[in-house]
Amino acid sequence: MKNPALQVQAEAERTFLQFAARFGLTPSYLQSIRWRGDGGS
């Protein structure tokens, strides 16, 4: 029998990853960002 707490934890992790992706907090999104420099000041 699976532990119910582990099922709750797995669902929470899936939910967190969905929100992270939506708000641009995933590593793949952060790599795609092109940072602009300030012109060398």
Protein backbone atom coordinates (compact mmCIF):
# COMPACT_ATOMS: atom_id res chain seq x y z
CA MET A 1 0.00 0.00 0.00
CA LYS A 2 1.33 3.43 -0.94
CA ASN A 3 1.78 6.01 1.75
CA PRO A 4 -0.88 8.76 1.31
CA ALA A 5 1.60 11.42 2.41
CA LEU A 6 3.84 10.57 -0.54
CA GLN A 7 0.92 10.94 -2.92
CA VAL A 8 0.16 14.39 -1.49
CA GLN A 9 3.83 15.35 -1.80
CA ALA A 10 3.97 14.21 -5.44
CA GLU A 11 0.86 16.22 -6.32
CA ALA A 12 2.27 19.31 -4.58
CA GLU A 13 5.50 18.95 -6.54
CA ARG A 14 3.60 18.75 -9.85
CA THR A 15 1.59 21.83 -8.91
CA PHE A 16 4.72 23.75 -7.93
CA LEU A 17 6.45 22.89 -11.21
CA GLN A 18 3.42 24.10 -13.17
CA PHE A 19 3.49 27.45 -11.36
CA ALA A 20 7.26 27.71 -11.72
CA ALA A 21 7.00 27.21 -15.47
CA ARG A 22 4.16 29.72 -15.74
CA PHE A 23 6.15 32.41 -13.90
CA GLY A 24 9.42 31.70 -15.72
CA LEU A 25 11.27 30.12 -12.82
CA THR A 26 12.44 26.95 -14.54
CA PRO A 27 16.09 26.43 -15.56
CA SER A 28 15.14 26.05 -19.22
CA TYR A 29 13.34 29.40 -19.16
CA LEU A 30 16.20 31.14 -17.37
CA GLN A 31 18.67 29.89 -20.01
CA SER A 32 16.51 31.35 -22.77
CA ILE A 33 16.62 34.87 -21.30
CA ARG A 34 18.95 37.22 -23.13
CA TRP A 35 20.38 39.67 -20.62
CA ARG A 36 21.07 43.18 -21.85
CA GLY A 37 24.18 44.95 -20.70
CA ASP A 38 24.12 48.57 -19.62
CA GLY A 39 26.62 49.66 -22.29
CA GLY A 40 29.80 49.28 -20.24
CA SER A 41 29.43 51.99 -17.63
